[in-house]
């Protein structure tokens, strides 16, 4: 039986659209800063920082 993964649609500041695996999505009043970089055709998480709640 295949493993099904859930994804959440996202829209970046530059209006590009994409998808993020749900385990990396948080519904919280705290801000988070995240950055991804594409290298050799693969997306990689560069950093994930907690914000200040603004």
PDB file of N, CA and C in Angstrom:
ATOM      1  N   UNK A   1       0.837  -1.170   0.000  1.00  0.00           N
ATOM      2  CA  UNK A   1       0.000   0.000   0.000  1.00  0.00           C
ATOM      3  C   UNK A   1       0.891   1.244   0.000  1.00  0.00           C
ATOM      4  N   UNK A   2       0.683   2.198  -0.950  1.00  0.00           N
ATOM      5  CA  UNK A   2       1.524   3.403  -1.005  1.00  0.00           C
ATOM      6  C   UNK A   2       1.221   4.340   0.156  1.00  0.00           C
ATOM      7  N   UNK A   3       2.244   5.100   0.555  1.00  0.00           N
ATOM      8  CA  UNK A   3       2.085   6.105   1.605  1.00  0.00           C
ATOM      9  C   UNK A   3       1.573   7.391   0.953  1.00  0.00           C
ATOM     10  N   UNK A   4       0.463   7.910   1.480  1.00  0.00           N
ATOM     11  CA  UNK A   4      -0.102   9.139   0.942  1.00  0.00           C
ATOM     12  C   UNK A   4       0.392  10.319   1.773  1.00  0.00           C
ATOM     13  N   UNK A   5       0.882  11.344   1.105  1.00  0.00           N
ATOM     14  CA  UNK A   5       1.377  12.538   1.774  1.00  0.00           C
ATOM     15  C   UNK A   5       0.427  13.689   1.485  1.00  0.00           C
ATOM     16  N   UNK A   6       0.149  14.480   2.490  1.00  0.00           N
ATOM     17  CA  UNK A   6      -0.714  15.643   2.317  1.00  0.00           C
ATOM     18  C   UNK A   6       0.133  16.881   2.096  1.00  0.00           C
ATOM     19  N   UNK A   7      -0.331  17.740   1.193  1.00  0.00           N
ATOM     20  CA  UNK A   7       0.392  18.948   0.818  1.00  0.00           C
ATOM     21  C   UNK A   7      -0.496  20.172   0.997  1.00  0.00           C
ATOM     22  N   UNK A   8       0.105  21.318   1.277  1.00  0.00           N
ATOM     23  CA  UNK A   8      -0.598  22.585   1.436  1.00  0.00           C
ATOM     24  C   UNK A   8      -0.115  23.554   0.360  1.00  0.00           C
ATOM     25  N   UNK A   9      -1.055  24.189  -0.361  1.00  0.00           N
ATOM     26  CA  UNK A   9      -0.629  25.173  -1.366  1.00  0.00           C
ATOM     27  C   UNK A   9      -0.086  26.422  -0.693  1.00  0.00           C
ATOM     28  N   UNK A  10       0.927  27.032  -1.294  1.00  0.00           N
ATOM     29  CA  UNK A  10       1.518  28.267  -0.781  1.00  0.00           C
ATOM     30  C   UNK A  10       1.703  29.255  -1.923  1.00  0.00           C
ATOM     31  N   UNK A  11       1.712  30.538  -1.580  1.00  0.00           N
ATOM     32  CA  UNK A  11       2.007  31.587  -2.553  1.00  0.00           C
ATOM     33  C   UNK A  11       3.110  32.458  -1.975  1.00  0.00           C
ATOM     34  N   UNK A  12       4.186  32.632  -2.716  1.00  0.00           N
ATOM     35  CA  UNK A  12       5.336  33.405  -2.269  1.00  0.00           C
ATOM     36  C   UNK A  12       5.129  34.898  -2.517  1.00  0.00           C
ATOM     37  N   UNK A  13       5.985  35.723  -1.947  1.00  0.00           N
ATOM     38  CA  UNK A  13       5.880  37.168  -2.132  1.00  0.00           C
ATOM     39  C   UNK A  13       6.000  37.576  -3.592  1.00  0.00           C
ATOM     40  N   UNK A  14       6.737  36.791  -4.382  1.00  0.00           N
ATOM     41  CA  UNK A  14       6.889  37.107  -5.808  1.00  0.00           C
ATOM     42  C   UNK A  14       5.738  36.539  -6.642  1.00  0.00           C
ATOM     43  N   UNK A  15       4.663  36.098  -5.959  1.00  0.00           N
ATOM     44  CA  UNK A  15       3.420  35.573  -6.544  1.00  0.00           C
ATOM     45  C   UNK A  15       3.549  34.198  -7.177  1.00  0.00           C
ATOM     46  N   UNK A  16       4.701  33.565  -7.054  1.00  0.00           N
ATOM     47  CA  UNK A  16       4.831  32.192  -7.529  1.00  0.00           C
ATOM     48  C   UNK A  16       4.075  31.273  -6.578  1.00  0.00           C
ATOM     49  N   UNK A  17       3.536  30.192  -7.127  1.00  0.00           N
ATOM     50  CA  UNK A  17       2.766  29.241  -6.321  1.00  0.00           C
ATOM     51  C   UNK A  17       3.508  27.921  -6.234  1.00  0.00           C
ATOM     52  N   UNK A  18       3.267  27.197  -5.156  1.00  0.00           N
ATOM     53  CA  UNK A  18       3.893  25.899  -4.979  1.00  0.00           C
ATOM     54  C   UNK A  18       3.177  25.112  -3.904  1.00  0.00           C
ATOM     55  N   UNK A  19       3.817  24.078  -3.410  1.00  0.00           N
ATOM     56  CA  UNK A  19       3.239  23.187  -2.410  1.00  0.00           C
ATOM     57  C   UNK A  19       4.277  22.881  -1.345  1.00  0.00           C
ATOM     58  N   UNK A  20       3.820  22.736  -0.086  1.00  0.00           N
ATOM     59  CA  UNK A  20       4.685  22.393   1.033  1.00  0.00           C
ATOM     60  C   UNK A  20       4.086  21.181   1.725  1.00  0.00           C
ATOM     61  N   UNK A  21       4.938  20.232   2.057  1.00  0.00           N
ATOM     62  CA  UNK A  21       4.492  19.050   2.779  1.00  0.00           C
ATOM     63  C   UNK A  21       3.903  19.468   4.122  1.00  0.00           C
ATOM     64  N   UNK A  22       2.735  18.941   4.462  1.00  0.00           N
ATOM     65  CA  UNK A  22       2.009  19.378   5.660  1.00  0.00           C
ATOM     66  C   UNK A  22       2.822  19.296   6.943  1.00  0.00           C
ATOM     67  N   UNK A  23       3.737  18.378   7.044  1.00  0.00           N
ATOM     68  CA  UNK A  23       4.492  18.285   8.299  1.00  0.00           C
ATOM     69  C   UNK A  23       5.381  19.501   8.530  1.00  0.00           C
ATOM     70  N   UNK A  24       5.559  20.349   7.492  1.00  0.00           N
ATOM     71  CA  UNK A  24       6.332  21.579   7.638  1.00  0.00           C
ATOM     72  C   UNK A  24       5.443  22.819   7.764  1.00  0.00           C
ATOM     73  N   UNK A  25       4.120  22.616   7.827  1.00  0.00           N
ATOM     74  CA  UNK A  25       3.173  23.724   7.928  1.00  0.00           C
ATOM     75  C   UNK A  25       2.668  23.809   9.356  1.00  0.00           C
ATOM     76  N   UNK A  26       2.688  25.010   9.906  1.00  0.00           N
ATOM     77  CA  UNK A  26       2.241  25.225  11.279  1.00  0.00           C
ATOM     78  C   UNK A  26       1.142  26.269  11.300  1.00  0.00           C
ATOM     79  N   UNK A  27       0.098  26.007  12.046  1.00  0.00           N
ATOM     80  CA  UNK A  27      -0.973  26.968  12.254  1.00  0.00           C
ATOM     81  C   UNK A  27      -0.823  27.498  13.667  1.00  0.00           C
ATOM     82  N   UNK A  28      -0.220  28.633  13.784  1.00  0.00           N
ATOM     83  CA  UNK A  28       0.107  29.179  15.083  1.00  0.00           C
ATOM     84  C   UNK A  28       0.099  30.696  15.008  1.00  0.00           C
ATOM     85  N   UNK A  29      -0.062  31.357  16.128  1.00  0.00           N
ATOM     86  CA  UNK A  29      -0.006  32.806  16.150  1.00  0.00           C
ATOM     87  C   UNK A  29       1.425  33.314  16.133  1.00  0.00           C
ATOM     88  N   UNK A  30       2.386  32.440  16.272  1.00  0.00           N
ATOM     89  CA  UNK A  30       3.791  32.823  16.227  1.00  0.00           C
ATOM     90  C   UNK A  30       4.257  32.845  14.774  1.00  0.00           C
ATOM     91  N   UNK A  31       4.961  33.895  14.426  1.00  0.00           N
ATOM     92  CA  UNK A  31       5.546  34.005  13.089  1.00  0.00           C
ATOM     93  C   UNK A  31       6.682  33.019  12.909  1.00  0.00           C
ATOM     94  N   UNK A  32       6.868  32.569  11.691  1.00  0.00           N
ATOM     95  CA  UNK A  32       8.030  31.762  11.339  1.00  0.00           C
ATOM     96  C   UNK A  32       8.626  32.324  10.069  1.00  0.00           C
ATOM     97  N   UNK A  33       9.929  32.248   9.958  1.00  0.00           N
ATOM     98  CA  UNK A  33      10.631  32.648   8.742  1.00  0.00           C
ATOM     99  C   UNK A  33      11.263  31.391   8.167  1.00  0.00           C
ATOM    100  N   UNK A  34      11.047  31.183   6.874  1.00  0.00           N
ATOM    101  CA  UNK A  34      11.563  29.982   6.233  1.00  0.00           C
ATOM    102  C   UNK A  34      12.165  30.357   4.884  1.00  0.00           C
ATOM    103  N   UNK A  35      13.203  29.657   4.507  1.00  0.00           N
ATOM    104  CA  UNK A  35      13.837  29.900   3.219  1.00  0.00           C
ATOM    105  C   UNK A  35      14.200  28.567   2.584  1.00  0.00           C
ATOM    106  N   UNK A  36      13.891  28.460   1.295  1.00  0.00           N
ATOM    107  CA  UNK A  36      14.248  27.276   0.525  1.00  0.00           C
ATOM    108  C   UNK A  36      15.203  27.690  -0.590  1.00  0.00           C
ATOM    109  N   UNK A  37      16.068  26.803  -0.991  1.00  0.00           N
ATOM    110  CA  UNK A  37      16.985  27.054  -2.099  1.00  0.00           C
ATOM    111  C   UNK A  37      16.933  25.844  -3.030  1.00  0.00           C
ATOM    112  N   UNK A  38      16.969  26.121  -4.329  1.00  0.00           N
ATOM    113  CA  UNK A  38      16.951  25.033  -5.311  1.00  0.00           C
ATOM    114  C   UNK A  38      18.364  24.817  -5.830  1.00  0.00           C
ATOM    115  N   UNK A  39      18.870  23.608  -5.639  1.00  0.00           N
ATOM    116  CA  UNK A  39      20.214  23.248  -6.067  1.00  0.00           C
ATOM    117  C   UNK A  39      20.148  21.938  -6.830  1.00  0.00           C
ATOM    118  N   UNK A  40      20.695  21.939  -8.031  1.00  0.00           N
ATOM    119  CA  UNK A  40      20.721  20.725  -8.859  1.00  0.00           C
ATOM    120  C   UNK A  40      19.329  20.101  -9.013  1.00  0.00           C
ATOM    121  N   UNK A  41      18.313  20.949  -9.178  1.00  0.00           N
ATOM    122  CA  UNK A  41      16.953  20.463  -9.399  1.00  0.00           C
ATOM    123  C   UNK A  41      16.215  20.006  -8.153  1.00  0.00           C
ATOM    124  N   UNK A  42      16.818  20.152  -6.972  1.00  0.00           N
ATOM    125  CA  UNK A  42      16.198  19.725  -5.711  1.00  0.00           C
ATOM    126  C   UNK A  42      15.955  20.936  -4.818  1.00  0.00           C
ATOM    127  N   UNK A  43      14.771  21.021  -4.207  1.00  0.00           N
ATOM    128  CA  UNK A  43      14.492  22.064  -3.234  1.00  0.00           C
ATOM    129  C   UNK A  43      14.983  21.616  -1.877  1.00  0.00           C
ATOM    130  N   UNK A  44      15.686  22.500  -1.192  1.00  0.00           N
ATOM    131  CA  UNK A  44      16.203  22.201   0.143  1.00  0.00           C
ATOM    132  C   UNK A  44      15.843  23.340   1.089  1.00  0.00           C
ATOM    133  N   UNK A  45      15.531  22.968   2.322  1.00  0.00           N
ATOM    134  CA  UNK A  45      15.252  23.948   3.347  1.00  0.00           C
ATOM    135  C   UNK A  45      16.557  24.606   3.769  1.00  0.00           C
ATOM    136  N   UNK A  46      16.658  25.924   3.626  1.00  0.00           N
ATOM    137  CA  UNK A  46      17.880  26.632   4.001  1.00  0.00           C
ATOM    138  C   UNK A  46      17.837  27.022   5.473  1.00  0.00           C
ATOM    139  N   UNK A  47      16.716  27.623   5.924  1.00  0.00           N
ATOM    140  CA  UNK A  47      16.575  27.909   7.353  1.00  0.00           C
ATOM    141  C   UNK A  47      15.108  27.987   7.743  1.00  0.00           C
ATOM    142  N   UNK A  48      14.847  27.771   9.013  1.00  0.00           N
ATOM    143  CA  UNK A  48      13.515  27.827   9.617  1.00  0.00           C
ATOM    144  C   UNK A  48      13.676  28.503  10.966  1.00  0.00           C
ATOM    145  N   UNK A  49      13.205  29.739  11.090  1.00  0.00           N
ATOM    146  CA  UNK A  49      13.412  30.521  12.303  1.00  0.00           C
ATOM    147  C   UNK A  49      12.083  30.935  12.919  1.00  0.00           C
ATOM    148  N   UNK A  50      11.963  30.849  14.243  1.00  0.00           N
ATOM    149  CA  UNK A  50      10.772  31.395  14.893  1.00  0.00           C
ATOM    150  C   UNK A  50      10.805  32.916  14.841  1.00  0.00           C
ATOM    151  N   UNK A  51       9.641  33.510  14.665  1.00  0.00           N
ATOM    152  CA  UNK A  51       9.557  34.968  14.618  1.00  0.00           C
ATOM    153  C   UNK A  51       9.191  35.545  15.972  1.00  0.00           C
ATOM    154  N   UNK A  52       8.681  36.748  15.943  1.00  0.00           N
ATOM    155  CA  UNK A  52       8.355  37.424  17.193  1.00  0.00           C
ATOM    156  C   UNK A  52       6.845  37.578  17.389  1.00  0.00           C
ATOM    157  N   UNK A  53       6.040  36.907  16.590  1.00  0.00           N
ATOM    158  CA  UNK A  53       4.586  36.960  16.763  1.00  0.00           C
ATOM    159  C   UNK A  53       3.909  38.148  16.113  1.00  0.00           C
ATOM    160  N   UNK A  54       4.629  38.914  15.309  1.00  0.00           N
ATOM    161  CA  UNK A  54       4.029  40.063  14.610  1.00  0.00           C
ATOM    162  C   UNK A  54       3.297  39.626  13.386  1.00  0.00           C
TER     163      UNK A  54
END
